Amino acid sequence: MLVCAVSSASVLSATPRFDQKARAIVAELPAVQGAATAALATLTNKPVLVTFFASWCPPCREEFANLNDLAEQYRETDLRIVAINVYEAWDDNDEARMQKFLQLTRPSFPALVGSEDIRTLFGGISRIPTVYGFDRSGELTYEFIHRVGAKKTNATYDELNSAAKQLLAPR
């Protein structure tokens, strides 16, 4: 089961939430150098897909292509997409590898620098890619986690599109 800590001193809950405090924390994260940025203040009361990635992760490249297509399809809606870079340190070529990843994937959504605290905030992210969909109130409504040994390595466009439709549906 996933757990989420809002801060290191808080009690853990059963599933991650993307409440206003968490949204404010994410909005303050620095952009990955060379990545496009967007006004993250627009996360408030919006449905959000959050993906966790690393530049060395082959499935993350395919997932970014799917997320770019989704961002284009839902450009005129309230849906927000945010990518958070975790587990990046691999060798001395981190910066060059990240620049190559950005050139290949050209994310049309913010790509941010994550940390151990961010991984904890979202329930202890331990696998990438991981994608969470949060509704306007911050409730988790969709998740994809690349499980150990799984044949399926990333969320498909159809799955992400279905999650987006659910997130945007009137309640």
N, C-alpha and C. Protein backbone atom coordinates (compact mmCIF):
# COMPACT_ATOMS: atom_id res chain seq x y z
N MET A 1 0.84 -1.18 0.00
CA MET A 1 0.00 0.00 0.00
C MET A 1 0.88 1.24 0.00
N LEU A 2 0.50 2.25 -0.72
CA LEU A 2 1.23 3.50 -0.76
C LEU A 2 0.99 4.29 0.51
N VAL A 3 1.98 5.05 0.94
CA VAL A 3 1.82 5.94 2.07
C VAL A 3 2.24 7.33 1.66
N CYS A 4 1.74 8.33 2.34
CA CYS A 4 2.06 9.71 2.02
C CYS A 4 2.35 10.48 3.27
N ALA A 5 3.46 11.17 3.30
CA ALA A 5 3.77 12.05 4.43
C ALA A 5 3.76 13.47 3.92
N VAL A 6 2.97 14.32 4.54
CA VAL A 6 2.92 15.72 4.14
C VAL A 6 4.17 16.43 4.62
N SER A 7 4.66 16.05 5.76
CA SER A 7 5.95 16.54 6.24
C SER A 7 6.57 15.43 7.07
N SER A 8 7.84 15.54 7.37
CA SER A 8 8.51 14.46 8.09
C SER A 8 7.93 14.24 9.47
N ALA A 9 7.24 15.21 10.02
CA ALA A 9 6.68 15.07 11.36
C ALA A 9 5.22 14.63 11.35
N SER A 10 4.64 14.46 10.16
CA SER A 10 3.22 14.14 10.11
C SER A 10 2.98 12.64 10.16
N VAL A 11 1.72 12.29 10.39
CA VAL A 11 1.31 10.90 10.40
C VAL A 11 1.09 10.45 8.96
N LEU A 12 1.50 9.23 8.63
CA LEU A 12 1.34 8.71 7.27
C LEU A 12 -0.10 8.34 7.01
N SER A 13 -0.57 8.60 5.79
CA SER A 13 -1.91 8.20 5.39
C SER A 13 -1.82 7.05 4.40
N ALA A 14 -2.94 6.47 4.04
CA ALA A 14 -2.96 5.27 3.21
C ALA A 14 -2.62 5.53 1.75
N THR A 15 -3.01 6.66 1.19
CA THR A 15 -2.74 6.95 -0.21
C THR A 15 -2.25 8.39 -0.36
N PRO A 16 -1.49 8.64 -1.42
CA PRO A 16 -1.03 10.02 -1.62
C PRO A 16 -2.19 10.96 -1.90
N ARG A 17 -2.06 12.17 -1.45
CA ARG A 17 -3.01 13.25 -1.74
C ARG A 17 -2.22 14.41 -2.31
N PHE A 18 -2.86 15.15 -3.17
CA PHE A 18 -2.23 16.34 -3.75
C PHE A 18 -3.05 17.54 -3.31
N ASP A 19 -3.03 17.76 -1.99
CA ASP A 19 -3.80 18.85 -1.41
C ASP A 19 -3.09 20.18 -1.67
N GLN A 20 -3.66 21.26 -1.17
CA GLN A 20 -3.12 22.60 -1.46
C GLN A 20 -1.69 22.74 -0.94
N LYS A 21 -1.39 22.15 0.20
CA LYS A 21 -0.03 22.23 0.73
C LYS A 21 0.96 21.52 -0.21
N ALA A 22 0.59 20.33 -0.65
CA ALA A 22 1.45 19.59 -1.58
C ALA A 22 1.60 20.34 -2.90
N ARG A 23 0.51 20.93 -3.39
CA ARG A 23 0.57 21.69 -4.64
C ARG A 23 1.51 22.89 -4.50
N ALA A 24 1.48 23.54 -3.34
CA ALA A 24 2.36 24.68 -3.10
C ALA A 24 3.82 24.24 -3.07
N ILE A 25 4.08 23.08 -2.48
CA ILE A 25 5.46 22.56 -2.43
C ILE A 25 5.95 22.27 -3.84
N VAL A 26 5.13 21.60 -4.65
CA VAL A 26 5.52 21.28 -6.02
C VAL A 26 5.70 22.56 -6.84
N ALA A 27 4.86 23.54 -6.64
CA ALA A 27 4.95 24.79 -7.40
C ALA A 27 6.26 25.53 -7.13
N GLU A 28 6.91 25.23 -6.02
CA GLU A 28 8.18 25.87 -5.67
C GLU A 28 9.41 25.09 -6.14
N LEU A 29 9.21 23.91 -6.71
CA LEU A 29 10.35 23.12 -7.17
C LEU A 29 11.03 23.80 -8.35
N PRO A 30 12.34 23.72 -8.43
CA PRO A 30 13.04 24.30 -9.58
C PRO A 30 12.81 23.45 -10.83
N ALA A 31 12.84 24.10 -11.96
CA ALA A 31 12.73 23.39 -13.24
C ALA A 31 14.04 22.67 -13.52
N VAL A 32 13.94 21.53 -14.20
CA VAL A 32 15.12 20.85 -14.69
C VAL A 32 15.80 21.80 -15.66
N GLN A 33 17.12 21.96 -15.54
CA GLN A 33 17.83 22.91 -16.39
C GLN A 33 17.58 22.56 -17.85
N GLY A 34 17.14 23.55 -18.61
CA GLY A 34 16.87 23.38 -20.02
C GLY A 34 15.44 22.99 -20.33
N ALA A 35 14.65 22.69 -19.29
CA ALA A 35 13.26 22.29 -19.51
C ALA A 35 12.36 23.53 -19.59
N ALA A 36 11.29 23.38 -20.34
CA ALA A 36 10.29 24.44 -20.40
C ALA A 36 9.61 24.56 -19.05
N THR A 37 9.25 25.75 -18.69
CA THR A 37 8.54 25.95 -17.43
C THR A 37 7.16 26.52 -17.72
N ALA A 38 6.31 26.42 -16.76
CA ALA A 38 4.96 26.97 -16.88
C ALA A 38 4.58 27.53 -15.52
N ALA A 39 3.57 28.34 -15.48
CA ALA A 39 3.11 28.92 -14.22
C ALA A 39 2.48 27.83 -13.38
N LEU A 40 3.23 27.32 -12.41
CA LEU A 40 2.73 26.24 -11.60
C LEU A 40 1.71 26.71 -10.58
N ALA A 41 1.55 28.00 -10.43
CA ALA A 41 0.50 28.51 -9.56
C ALA A 41 -0.87 28.07 -10.07
N THR A 42 -0.92 27.68 -11.34
CA THR A 42 -2.19 27.26 -11.93
C THR A 42 -2.58 25.84 -11.51
N LEU A 43 -1.84 25.24 -10.59
CA LEU A 43 -2.19 23.90 -10.10
C LEU A 43 -3.36 23.93 -9.13
N THR A 44 -3.62 25.06 -8.53
CA THR A 44 -4.67 25.17 -7.53
C THR A 44 -6.03 24.80 -8.12
N ASN A 45 -6.69 23.86 -7.46
CA ASN A 45 -8.04 23.41 -7.84
C ASN A 45 -8.14 22.90 -9.28
N LYS A 46 -7.06 22.35 -9.78
CA LYS A 46 -7.05 21.78 -11.13
C LYS A 46 -6.81 20.28 -11.03
N PRO A 47 -7.34 19.50 -11.98
CA PRO A 47 -6.94 18.09 -12.05
C PRO A 47 -5.51 18.03 -12.57
N VAL A 48 -4.71 17.14 -11.99
CA VAL A 48 -3.29 17.11 -12.31
C VAL A 48 -2.82 15.67 -12.50
N LEU A 49 -2.07 15.44 -13.57
CA LEU A 49 -1.32 14.20 -13.74
C LEU A 49 0.12 14.51 -13.36
N VAL A 50 0.66 13.74 -12.43
CA VAL A 50 2.05 13.92 -11.99
C VAL A 50 2.80 12.66 -12.36
N THR A 51 3.88 12.82 -13.13
CA THR A 51 4.71 11.68 -13.49
C THR A 51 6.09 11.85 -12.87
N PHE A 52 6.65 10.75 -12.43
CA PHE A 52 8.00 10.73 -11.85
C PHE A 52 8.89 10.00 -12.84
N PHE A 53 10.05 10.60 -13.15
CA PHE A 53 10.89 10.09 -14.22
C PHE A 53 12.36 10.30 -13.90
N ALA A 54 13.21 9.69 -14.73
CA ALA A 54 14.65 9.96 -14.75
C ALA A 54 15.09 9.91 -16.21
N SER A 55 16.14 10.63 -16.53
CA SER A 55 16.58 10.72 -17.92
C SER A 55 17.14 9.39 -18.44
N TRP A 56 17.59 8.51 -17.56
CA TRP A 56 18.16 7.24 -17.98
C TRP A 56 17.09 6.15 -18.15
N CYS A 57 15.84 6.48 -17.93
CA CYS A 57 14.73 5.52 -17.92
C CYS A 57 14.11 5.40 -19.32
N PRO A 58 14.38 4.30 -20.07
CA PRO A 58 13.79 4.16 -21.41
C PRO A 58 12.27 4.24 -21.44
N PRO A 59 11.53 3.60 -20.52
CA PRO A 59 10.07 3.73 -20.57
C PRO A 59 9.58 5.17 -20.36
N CYS A 60 10.38 5.99 -19.69
CA CYS A 60 9.98 7.38 -19.46
C CYS A 60 9.92 8.15 -20.77
N ARG A 61 10.77 7.82 -21.74
CA ARG A 61 10.75 8.49 -23.04
C ARG A 61 9.42 8.24 -23.74
N GLU A 62 8.98 7.00 -23.77
CA GLU A 62 7.70 6.68 -24.41
C GLU A 62 6.56 7.34 -23.66
N GLU A 63 6.63 7.33 -22.33
CA GLU A 63 5.57 7.95 -21.55
C GLU A 63 5.51 9.46 -21.81
N PHE A 64 6.66 10.11 -21.94
CA PHE A 64 6.67 11.54 -22.23
C PHE A 64 6.01 11.82 -23.58
N ALA A 65 6.21 10.95 -24.57
CA ALA A 65 5.55 11.12 -25.87
C ALA A 65 4.03 11.06 -25.68
N ASN A 66 3.58 10.10 -24.88
CA ASN A 66 2.14 9.99 -24.60
C ASN A 66 1.63 11.22 -23.86
N LEU A 67 2.39 11.71 -22.90
CA LEU A 67 1.98 12.89 -22.13
C LEU A 67 1.98 14.15 -23.00
N ASN A 68 2.93 14.26 -23.92
CA ASN A 68 2.93 15.40 -24.85
C ASN A 68 1.67 15.38 -25.71
N ASP A 69 1.30 14.20 -26.22
CA ASP A 69 0.07 14.09 -27.01
C ASP A 69 -1.15 14.46 -26.16
N LEU A 70 -1.16 14.00 -24.93
CA LEU A 70 -2.26 14.31 -24.03
C LEU A 70 -2.33 15.80 -23.73
N ALA A 71 -1.17 16.41 -23.49
CA ALA A 71 -1.13 17.85 -23.21
C ALA A 71 -1.69 18.64 -24.40
N GLU A 72 -1.38 18.21 -25.60
CA GLU A 72 -1.91 18.88 -26.80
C GLU A 72 -3.42 18.69 -26.89
N GLN A 73 -3.88 17.48 -26.68
CA GLN A 73 -5.31 17.20 -26.78
C GLN A 73 -6.12 18.00 -25.76
N TYR A 74 -5.57 18.18 -24.55
CA TYR A 74 -6.31 18.83 -23.47
C TYR A 74 -5.81 20.26 -23.19
N ARG A 75 -5.15 20.84 -24.17
CA ARG A 75 -4.55 22.17 -24.02
C ARG A 75 -5.56 23.21 -23.56
N GLU A 76 -6.78 23.14 -24.01
CA GLU A 76 -7.80 24.15 -23.71
C GLU A 76 -8.65 23.79 -22.48
N THR A 77 -8.19 22.84 -21.68
CA THR A 77 -8.95 22.41 -20.49
C THR A 77 -8.19 22.79 -19.23
N ASP A 78 -8.72 22.38 -18.10
CA ASP A 78 -8.07 22.63 -16.80
C ASP A 78 -7.01 21.60 -16.45
N LEU A 79 -6.87 20.54 -17.24
CA LEU A 79 -5.90 19.49 -16.92
C LEU A 79 -4.48 20.03 -16.92
N ARG A 80 -3.73 19.71 -15.89
CA ARG A 80 -2.32 20.07 -15.80
C ARG A 80 -1.49 18.80 -15.75
N ILE A 81 -0.31 18.84 -16.35
CA ILE A 81 0.64 17.73 -16.32
C ILE A 81 1.95 18.27 -15.77
N VAL A 82 2.52 17.53 -14.84
CA VAL A 82 3.78 17.93 -14.22
C VAL A 82 4.68 16.69 -14.15
N ALA A 83 5.93 16.84 -14.55
CA ALA A 83 6.91 15.76 -14.45
C ALA A 83 7.91 16.12 -13.35
N ILE A 84 8.22 15.15 -12.51
CA ILE A 84 9.18 15.38 -11.43
C ILE A 84 10.31 14.38 -11.57
N ASN A 85 11.50 14.90 -11.71
CA ASN A 85 12.71 14.10 -11.90
C ASN A 85 13.19 13.53 -10.56
N VAL A 86 13.27 12.21 -10.48
CA VAL A 86 13.79 11.54 -9.29
C VAL A 86 14.76 10.45 -9.72
N TYR A 87 15.59 10.03 -8.83
CA TYR A 87 16.58 8.98 -9.10
C TYR A 87 17.50 9.32 -10.27
N GLU A 88 17.85 10.57 -10.40
CA GLU A 88 18.65 10.99 -11.55
C GLU A 88 20.11 10.59 -11.44
N ALA A 89 20.70 10.70 -10.26
CA ALA A 89 22.13 10.43 -10.12
C ALA A 89 22.46 9.01 -10.55
N TRP A 90 23.30 8.91 -11.53
CA TRP A 90 23.68 7.61 -12.08
C TRP A 90 25.18 7.57 -12.31
N ASP A 91 25.70 8.63 -12.87
CA ASP A 91 27.14 8.73 -13.11
C ASP A 91 27.49 10.21 -13.27
N ASP A 92 28.67 10.49 -13.77
CA ASP A 92 29.10 11.88 -13.91
C ASP A 92 28.48 12.58 -15.12
N ASN A 93 27.69 11.90 -15.92
CA ASN A 93 27.10 12.49 -17.11
C ASN A 93 25.65 12.89 -16.93
N ASP A 94 25.23 13.11 -15.69
CA ASP A 94 23.83 13.42 -15.41
C ASP A 94 23.31 14.59 -16.25
N GLU A 95 24.07 15.69 -16.28
CA GLU A 95 23.60 16.88 -16.99
C GLU A 95 23.51 16.64 -18.50
N ALA A 96 24.51 16.03 -19.08
CA ALA A 96 24.49 15.75 -20.52
C ALA A 96 23.37 14.77 -20.86
N ARG A 97 23.19 13.76 -20.02
CA ARG A 97 22.13 12.79 -20.26
C ARG A 97 20.76 13.46 -20.18
N MET A 98 20.58 14.37 -19.20
CA MET A 98 19.30 15.07 -19.07
C MET A 98 19.03 15.94 -20.29
N GLN A 99 20.04 16.64 -20.77
CA GLN A 99 19.86 17.49 -21.94
C GLN A 99 19.47 16.65 -23.16
N LYS A 100 20.09 15.48 -23.32
CA LYS A 100 19.73 14.59 -24.42
C LYS A 100 18.29 14.11 -24.26
N PHE A 101 17.90 13.75 -23.04
CA PHE A 101 16.53 13.32 -22.77
C PHE A 101 15.54 14.42 -23.15
N LEU A 102 15.83 15.65 -22.75
CA LEU A 102 14.94 16.77 -23.05
C LEU A 102 14.86 17.04 -24.55
N GLN A 103 15.99 16.90 -25.25
CA GLN A 103 15.98 17.09 -26.70
C GLN A 103 15.15 16.01 -27.40
N LEU A 104 15.22 14.78 -26.88
CA LEU A 104 14.46 13.68 -27.47
C LEU A 104 12.97 13.76 -27.17
N THR A 105 12.63 14.15 -25.94
CA THR A 105 11.23 14.10 -25.51
C THR A 105 10.49 15.42 -25.66
N ARG A 106 11.21 16.53 -25.62
CA ARG A 106 10.62 17.87 -25.75
C ARG A 106 9.30 18.01 -24.98
N PRO A 107 9.37 17.87 -23.65
CA PRO A 107 8.12 17.94 -22.87
C PRO A 107 7.44 19.30 -23.02
N SER A 108 6.13 19.25 -23.23
CA SER A 108 5.33 20.48 -23.35
C SER A 108 4.67 20.83 -22.02
N PHE A 109 5.19 20.26 -20.97
CA PHE A 109 4.70 20.45 -19.61
C PHE A 109 5.91 20.66 -18.71
N PRO A 110 5.73 21.23 -17.52
CA PRO A 110 6.87 21.49 -16.65
C PRO A 110 7.58 20.20 -16.23
N ALA A 111 8.90 20.23 -16.27
CA ALA A 111 9.75 19.15 -15.75
C ALA A 111 10.53 19.75 -14.59
N LEU A 112 10.36 19.17 -13.41
CA LEU A 112 10.90 19.75 -12.19
C LEU A 112 11.90 18.83 -11.52
N VAL A 113 12.75 19.41 -10.70
CA VAL A 113 13.75 18.66 -9.95
C VAL A 113 13.13 18.16 -8.66
N GLY A 114 13.10 16.86 -8.47
CA GLY A 114 12.55 16.26 -7.26
C GLY A 114 13.63 16.01 -6.22
N SER A 115 13.22 15.39 -5.13
CA SER A 115 14.12 15.11 -4.01
C SER A 115 13.54 13.96 -3.20
N GLU A 116 14.27 13.52 -2.21
CA GLU A 116 13.77 12.50 -1.29
C GLU A 116 12.49 12.98 -0.62
N ASP A 117 12.45 14.25 -0.22
CA ASP A 117 11.25 14.80 0.42
C ASP A 117 10.04 14.73 -0.52
N ILE A 118 10.25 14.99 -1.78
CA ILE A 118 9.15 14.93 -2.75
C ILE A 118 8.69 13.49 -2.93
N ARG A 119 9.64 12.56 -3.01
CA ARG A 119 9.26 11.15 -3.13
C ARG A 119 8.42 10.74 -1.92
N THR A 120 8.79 11.19 -0.74
CA THR A 120 8.05 10.89 0.48
C THR A 120 6.68 11.55 0.46
N LEU A 121 6.62 12.79 0.00
CA LEU A 121 5.36 13.52 -0.08
C LEU A 121 4.31 12.76 -0.88
N PHE A 122 4.77 12.05 -1.91
CA PHE A 122 3.87 11.29 -2.78
C PHE A 122 3.81 9.81 -2.41
N GLY A 123 4.12 9.48 -1.19
CA GLY A 123 3.93 8.12 -0.71
C GLY A 123 5.13 7.21 -0.85
N GLY A 124 6.29 7.77 -1.02
CA GLY A 124 7.49 6.95 -1.09
C GLY A 124 7.72 6.38 -2.48
N ILE A 125 7.78 7.24 -3.48
CA ILE A 125 8.01 6.80 -4.86
C ILE A 125 9.30 5.97 -4.88
N SER A 126 9.18 4.73 -5.36
CA SER A 126 10.36 3.87 -5.41
C SER A 126 10.59 3.28 -6.80
N ARG A 127 9.66 3.51 -7.73
CA ARG A 127 9.78 2.99 -9.09
C ARG A 127 9.44 4.09 -10.08
N ILE A 128 10.13 4.04 -11.23
CA ILE A 128 9.80 4.97 -12.31
C ILE A 128 9.63 4.17 -13.59
N PRO A 129 8.80 4.62 -14.48
CA PRO A 129 7.90 5.73 -14.27
C PRO A 129 6.75 5.37 -13.32
N THR A 130 6.33 6.38 -12.59
CA THR A 130 5.12 6.33 -11.78
C THR A 130 4.28 7.53 -12.20
N VAL A 131 2.99 7.32 -12.43
CA VAL A 131 2.09 8.41 -12.78
C VAL A 131 0.90 8.36 -11.82
N TYR A 132 0.58 9.53 -11.27
CA TYR A 132 -0.61 9.67 -10.43
C TYR A 132 -1.53 10.70 -11.05
N GLY A 133 -2.82 10.44 -10.99
CA GLY A 133 -3.83 11.41 -11.39
C GLY A 133 -4.59 11.86 -10.16
N PHE A 134 -4.64 13.17 -9.95
CA PHE A 134 -5.33 13.74 -8.80
C PHE A 134 -6.47 14.64 -9.28
N ASP A 135 -7.64 14.48 -8.65
CA ASP A 135 -8.76 15.34 -9.03
C ASP A 135 -8.57 16.74 -8.44
N ARG A 136 -9.52 17.60 -8.67
CA ARG A 136 -9.43 19.00 -8.23
C ARG A 136 -9.24 19.14 -6.72
N SER A 137 -9.77 18.19 -5.97
CA SER A 137 -9.66 18.27 -4.50
C SER A 137 -8.40 17.58 -3.99
N GLY A 138 -7.62 16.97 -4.88
CA GLY A 138 -6.37 16.34 -4.48
C GLY A 138 -6.46 14.85 -4.21
N GLU A 139 -7.63 14.25 -4.49
CA GLU A 139 -7.80 12.82 -4.28
C GLU A 139 -7.17 12.04 -5.43
N LEU A 140 -6.50 10.95 -5.10
CA LEU A 140 -5.90 10.08 -6.10
C LEU A 140 -7.00 9.32 -6.83
N THR A 141 -7.02 9.45 -8.17
CA THR A 141 -8.03 8.75 -8.96
C THR A 141 -7.40 7.82 -10.00
N TYR A 142 -6.09 7.93 -10.21
CA TYR A 142 -5.41 7.09 -11.20
C TYR A 142 -3.97 6.89 -10.75
N GLU A 143 -3.47 5.68 -10.98
CA GLU A 143 -2.05 5.45 -10.76
C GLU A 143 -1.53 4.41 -11.73
N PHE A 144 -0.31 4.62 -12.16
CA PHE A 144 0.44 3.61 -12.90
C PHE A 144 1.82 3.58 -12.26
N ILE A 145 2.25 2.40 -11.86
CA ILE A 145 3.59 2.22 -11.30
C ILE A 145 4.25 1.09 -12.07
N HIS A 146 5.42 1.36 -12.60
CA HIS A 146 6.16 0.33 -13.30
C HIS A 146 6.68 -0.66 -12.25
N ARG A 147 5.99 -1.75 -12.11
CA ARG A 147 6.30 -2.76 -11.10
C ARG A 147 7.52 -3.58 -11.51
N VAL A 148 8.24 -4.09 -10.54
CA VAL A 148 9.39 -4.96 -10.78
C VAL A 148 8.92 -6.18 -11.58
N GLY A 149 9.61 -6.46 -12.66
CA GLY A 149 9.31 -7.63 -13.47
C GLY A 149 8.10 -7.51 -14.38
N ALA A 150 7.44 -6.38 -14.37
CA ALA A 150 6.25 -6.21 -15.21
C ALA A 150 6.63 -6.12 -16.68
N LYS A 151 5.81 -6.71 -17.52
CA LYS A 151 6.04 -6.60 -18.96
C LYS A 151 5.65 -5.22 -19.46
N LYS A 152 4.65 -4.63 -18.84
CA LYS A 152 4.19 -3.29 -19.19
C LYS A 152 5.03 -2.28 -18.42
N THR A 153 5.71 -1.39 -19.15
CA THR A 153 6.69 -0.52 -18.50
C THR A 153 6.26 0.92 -18.32
N ASN A 154 5.18 1.34 -19.02
CA ASN A 154 4.73 2.72 -18.86
C ASN A 154 3.24 2.82 -19.20
N ALA A 155 2.64 3.90 -18.76
CA ALA A 155 1.23 4.13 -19.04
C ALA A 155 1.05 4.39 -20.53
N THR A 156 0.03 3.77 -21.10
CA THR A 156 -0.25 3.97 -22.53
C THR A 156 -1.02 5.27 -22.72
N TYR A 157 -1.06 5.72 -23.95
CA TYR A 157 -1.84 6.92 -24.26
C TYR A 157 -3.31 6.70 -23.90
N ASP A 158 -3.85 5.54 -24.27
CA ASP A 158 -5.27 5.28 -23.99
C ASP A 158 -5.56 5.31 -22.49
N GLU A 159 -4.67 4.77 -21.69
CA GLU A 159 -4.87 4.80 -20.24
C GLU A 159 -4.80 6.22 -19.71
N LEU A 160 -3.83 6.98 -20.18
CA LEU A 160 -3.70 8.37 -19.73
C LEU A 160 -4.90 9.20 -20.20
N ASN A 161 -5.36 8.95 -21.42
CA ASN A 161 -6.51 9.66 -21.94
C ASN A 161 -7.76 9.34 -21.11
N SER A 162 -7.94 8.09 -20.78
CA SER A 162 -9.07 7.69 -19.94
C SER A 162 -8.99 8.35 -18.57
N ALA A 163 -7.79 8.39 -17.99
CA ALA A 163 -7.60 9.06 -16.70
C ALA A 163 -7.91 10.54 -16.81
N ALA A 164 -7.47 11.18 -17.90
CA ALA A 164 -7.73 12.61 -18.10
C ALA A 164 -9.23 12.88 -18.20
N LYS A 165 -9.93 12.05 -18.95
CA LYS A 165 -11.38 12.22 -19.09
C LYS A 165 -12.06 12.10 -17.72
N GLN A 166 -11.63 11.14 -16.93
CA GLN A 166 -12.20 10.95 -15.59
C GLN A 166 -11.90 12.18 -14.71
N LEU A 167 -10.67 12.68 -14.81
CA LEU A 167 -10.29 13.83 -14.00
C LEU A 167 -11.08 15.08 -14.37
N LEU A 168 -11.43 15.21 -15.63
CA LEU A 168 -12.14 16.40 -16.12
C LEU A 168 -13.66 16.28 -16.06
N ALA A 169 -14.15 15.08 -15.80
CA ALA A 169 -15.61 14.86 -15.77
C ALA A 169 -16.23 15.66 -14.61
N PRO A 170 -17.40 16.26 -14.87
CA PRO A 170 -18.09 16.97 -13.79
C PRO A 170 -18.48 15.99 -12.69
N ARG A 171 -18.43 16.47 -11.49
CA ARG A 171 -18.76 15.61 -10.34
C ARG A 171 -20.14 15.93 -9.85
